[in-house]
Amino acid sequence: MAKTSTQQRGQKKKVCQFCESEADYIDYKNYPLLKPHLDYFGNIRKRFHTGVCLHHQKMLKTAVERARFMGMLSYRK
């Protein structure tokens, strides 16, 4: 049986942390939850870096945009 490329390298597939915790909503006021999904410059990291599913990535984007609008996050450093 042939191994896939992730099995050959010994890496595990990333699982969405929001799906594991069964999150229905990502709150824009929860800064410690948003911070790992932002890079140094304040940009939202891509899905393949963080392992977030498409549904929760869209919710994350909305939460970050709201936090920026309210002044809780900076637009750019």
N, C-alpha and C. Protein backbone atom coordinates (compact mmCIF):
# COMPACT_ATOMS: atom_id res chain seq x y z
N MET A 1 0.84 -1.18 0.00
CA MET A 1 0.00 0.00 0.00
C MET A 1 0.89 1.24 0.00
N ALA A 2 0.60 2.16 -0.90
CA ALA A 2 1.41 3.37 -1.02
C ALA A 2 1.05 4.36 0.08
N LYS A 3 2.06 5.02 0.60
CA LYS A 3 1.84 6.02 1.64
C LYS A 3 1.65 7.38 0.99
N THR A 4 0.84 8.20 1.63
CA THR A 4 0.66 9.56 1.13
C THR A 4 1.86 10.40 1.54
N SER A 5 1.94 11.60 0.99
CA SER A 5 3.11 12.44 1.24
C SER A 5 3.20 12.86 2.70
N THR A 6 2.06 13.08 3.39
CA THR A 6 2.13 13.47 4.79
C THR A 6 2.56 12.30 5.67
N GLN A 7 2.20 11.07 5.28
CA GLN A 7 2.63 9.91 6.06
C GLN A 7 4.11 9.65 5.86
N GLN A 8 4.63 9.94 4.68
CA GLN A 8 6.04 9.71 4.41
C GLN A 8 6.91 10.65 5.25
N ARG A 9 6.45 11.87 5.44
CA ARG A 9 7.21 12.83 6.21
C ARG A 9 6.98 12.71 7.71
N GLY A 10 5.99 11.93 8.11
CA GLY A 10 5.72 11.75 9.53
C GLY A 10 4.91 12.89 10.12
N GLN A 11 4.21 13.65 9.29
CA GLN A 11 3.41 14.77 9.78
C GLN A 11 1.96 14.34 9.93
N LYS A 12 1.28 14.95 10.90
CA LYS A 12 -0.14 14.70 11.08
C LYS A 12 -0.92 15.79 10.35
N LYS A 13 -2.11 15.45 9.91
CA LYS A 13 -2.98 16.43 9.29
C LYS A 13 -3.51 17.36 10.38
N LYS A 14 -3.52 18.66 10.11
CA LYS A 14 -3.99 19.63 11.09
C LYS A 14 -5.50 19.54 11.20
N VAL A 15 -5.99 19.67 12.42
CA VAL A 15 -7.42 19.61 12.69
C VAL A 15 -7.86 20.97 13.20
N CYS A 16 -9.02 21.41 12.76
CA CYS A 16 -9.54 22.72 13.15
C CYS A 16 -9.80 22.75 14.66
N GLN A 17 -9.19 23.70 15.35
CA GLN A 17 -9.37 23.79 16.80
C GLN A 17 -10.77 24.24 17.16
N PHE A 18 -11.43 24.98 16.27
CA PHE A 18 -12.79 25.43 16.54
C PHE A 18 -13.79 24.29 16.37
N CYS A 19 -13.53 23.39 15.43
CA CYS A 19 -14.40 22.21 15.27
C CYS A 19 -14.26 21.27 16.46
N GLU A 20 -13.06 21.14 16.99
CA GLU A 20 -12.84 20.28 18.15
C GLU A 20 -13.58 20.80 19.38
N SER A 21 -13.60 22.13 19.54
CA SER A 21 -14.29 22.71 20.68
C SER A 21 -15.76 23.01 20.39
N GLU A 22 -16.22 22.66 19.17
CA GLU A 22 -17.60 22.86 18.75
C GLU A 22 -18.05 24.31 18.91
N ALA A 23 -17.24 25.24 18.40
CA ALA A 23 -17.54 26.66 18.50
C ALA A 23 -18.56 27.06 17.45
N ASP A 24 -19.62 27.73 17.89
CA ASP A 24 -20.64 28.22 16.97
C ASP A 24 -20.37 29.67 16.56
N TYR A 25 -19.57 30.38 17.36
CA TYR A 25 -19.34 31.80 17.14
C TYR A 25 -17.94 32.14 17.62
N ILE A 26 -17.24 32.96 16.88
CA ILE A 26 -15.92 33.44 17.29
C ILE A 26 -16.08 34.89 17.70
N ASP A 27 -15.83 35.18 18.95
CA ASP A 27 -16.07 36.51 19.49
C ASP A 27 -14.92 37.44 19.15
N TYR A 28 -15.23 38.63 18.67
CA TYR A 28 -14.20 39.59 18.29
C TYR A 28 -13.53 40.21 19.50
N LYS A 29 -14.11 40.08 20.69
CA LYS A 29 -13.52 40.64 21.90
C LYS A 29 -12.51 39.71 22.57
N ASN A 30 -12.44 38.47 22.10
CA ASN A 30 -11.56 37.47 22.69
C ASN A 30 -10.18 37.55 22.02
N TYR A 31 -9.34 38.47 22.48
CA TYR A 31 -8.03 38.69 21.87
C TYR A 31 -7.11 37.48 21.96
N PRO A 32 -7.04 36.77 23.09
CA PRO A 32 -6.14 35.59 23.13
C PRO A 32 -6.51 34.50 22.13
N LEU A 33 -7.77 34.44 21.73
CA LEU A 33 -8.19 33.47 20.73
C LEU A 33 -7.80 33.92 19.32
N LEU A 34 -7.84 35.22 19.06
CA LEU A 34 -7.53 35.75 17.73
C LEU A 34 -6.03 35.85 17.48
N LYS A 35 -5.26 36.12 18.50
CA LYS A 35 -3.83 36.39 18.35
C LYS A 35 -3.04 35.30 17.63
N PRO A 36 -3.22 34.01 17.90
CA PRO A 36 -2.42 32.99 17.19
C PRO A 36 -2.71 32.92 15.69
N HIS A 37 -3.80 33.51 15.26
CA HIS A 37 -4.17 33.45 13.85
C HIS A 37 -3.74 34.69 13.08
N LEU A 38 -2.98 35.57 13.75
CA LEU A 38 -2.45 36.77 13.11
C LEU A 38 -0.94 36.69 13.07
N ASP A 39 -0.34 37.21 12.00
CA ASP A 39 1.12 37.23 11.94
C ASP A 39 1.65 38.51 12.59
N TYR A 40 2.94 38.75 12.50
CA TYR A 40 3.59 39.88 13.15
C TYR A 40 3.03 41.21 12.66
N PHE A 41 2.67 41.27 11.40
CA PHE A 41 2.20 42.52 10.80
C PHE A 41 0.70 42.74 10.98
N GLY A 42 0.00 41.80 11.58
CA GLY A 42 -1.43 41.95 11.82
C GLY A 42 -2.30 41.35 10.74
N ASN A 43 -1.71 40.64 9.79
CA ASN A 43 -2.48 39.98 8.75
C ASN A 43 -3.03 38.65 9.25
N ILE A 44 -4.16 38.24 8.71
CA ILE A 44 -4.73 36.94 9.07
C ILE A 44 -3.94 35.86 8.35
N ARG A 45 -3.52 34.84 9.08
CA ARG A 45 -2.76 33.75 8.46
C ARG A 45 -3.67 32.89 7.61
N LYS A 46 -3.09 32.24 6.62
CA LYS A 46 -3.84 31.39 5.70
C LYS A 46 -4.29 30.11 6.39
N ARG A 47 -5.26 29.46 5.81
CA ARG A 47 -5.83 28.24 6.39
C ARG A 47 -4.82 27.12 6.50
N PHE A 48 -3.94 26.98 5.51
CA PHE A 48 -3.01 25.85 5.55
C PHE A 48 -1.91 26.05 6.58
N HIS A 49 -1.72 27.27 7.09
CA HIS A 49 -0.76 27.49 8.18
C HIS A 49 -1.38 27.16 9.53
N THR A 50 -2.65 27.53 9.72
CA THR A 50 -3.28 27.37 11.02
C THR A 50 -4.09 26.09 11.16
N GLY A 51 -4.55 25.52 10.03
CA GLY A 51 -5.34 24.29 10.08
C GLY A 51 -6.81 24.52 10.37
N VAL A 52 -7.29 25.74 10.16
CA VAL A 52 -8.69 26.06 10.41
C VAL A 52 -9.52 25.71 9.19
N CYS A 53 -10.72 25.17 9.39
CA CYS A 53 -11.59 24.82 8.26
C CYS A 53 -12.17 26.09 7.63
N LEU A 54 -12.75 25.95 6.45
CA LEU A 54 -13.26 27.09 5.70
C LEU A 54 -14.36 27.82 6.46
N HIS A 55 -15.27 27.09 7.07
CA HIS A 55 -16.38 27.69 7.80
C HIS A 55 -15.87 28.60 8.93
N HIS A 56 -14.93 28.09 9.71
CA HIS A 56 -14.41 28.87 10.83
C HIS A 56 -13.42 29.94 10.38
N GLN A 57 -12.76 29.75 9.22
CA GLN A 57 -11.88 30.78 8.70
C GLN A 57 -12.68 32.03 8.34
N LYS A 58 -13.86 31.83 7.77
CA LYS A 58 -14.73 32.97 7.44
C LYS A 58 -15.21 33.67 8.71
N MET A 59 -15.54 32.90 9.74
CA MET A 59 -15.95 33.49 11.01
C MET A 59 -14.78 34.25 11.66
N LEU A 60 -13.59 33.69 11.53
CA LEU A 60 -12.40 34.33 12.07
C LEU A 60 -12.13 35.65 11.36
N LYS A 61 -12.30 35.68 10.05
CA LYS A 61 -12.10 36.89 9.26
C LYS A 61 -13.07 37.98 9.70
N THR A 62 -14.31 37.61 9.91
CA THR A 62 -15.32 38.58 10.35
C THR A 62 -14.99 39.11 11.74
N ALA A 63 -14.55 38.23 12.63
CA ALA A 63 -14.21 38.65 13.99
C ALA A 63 -13.01 39.60 13.99
N VAL A 64 -12.01 39.32 13.17
CA VAL A 64 -10.83 40.19 13.09
C VAL A 64 -11.22 41.54 12.50
N GLU A 65 -12.07 41.55 11.48
CA GLU A 65 -12.51 42.82 10.88
C GLU A 65 -13.28 43.66 11.90
N ARG A 66 -14.12 43.02 12.70
CA ARG A 66 -14.88 43.75 13.72
C ARG A 66 -13.96 44.29 14.80
N ALA A 67 -12.98 43.50 15.21
CA ALA A 67 -12.03 43.95 16.24
C ALA A 67 -11.19 45.12 15.72
N ARG A 68 -10.82 45.09 14.45
CA ARG A 68 -10.09 46.21 13.86
C ARG A 68 -10.95 47.46 13.83
N PHE A 69 -12.20 47.32 13.45
CA PHE A 69 -13.10 48.46 13.36
C PHE A 69 -13.33 49.09 14.73
N MET A 70 -13.41 48.24 15.77
CA MET A 70 -13.63 48.75 17.13
C MET A 70 -12.34 49.27 17.77
N GLY A 71 -11.21 49.07 17.11
CA GLY A 71 -9.95 49.60 17.63
C GLY A 71 -9.22 48.65 18.56
N MET A 72 -9.63 47.39 18.61
CA MET A 72 -8.98 46.43 19.50
C MET A 72 -7.76 45.80 18.85
N LEU A 73 -7.74 45.77 17.53
CA LEU A 73 -6.59 45.27 16.77
C LEU A 73 -6.14 46.35 15.80
N SER A 74 -4.86 46.36 15.50
CA SER A 74 -4.36 47.32 14.53
C SER A 74 -4.53 46.77 13.12
N TYR A 75 -4.63 47.68 12.17
CA TYR A 75 -4.73 47.25 10.78
C TYR A 75 -3.38 46.78 10.27
N ARG A 76 -2.34 47.54 10.52
CA ARG A 76 -0.98 47.21 10.10
C ARG A 76 -0.01 47.71 11.15
N LYS A 77 1.12 47.03 11.28
CA LYS A 77 2.17 47.50 12.20
C LYS A 77 3.14 48.35 11.43
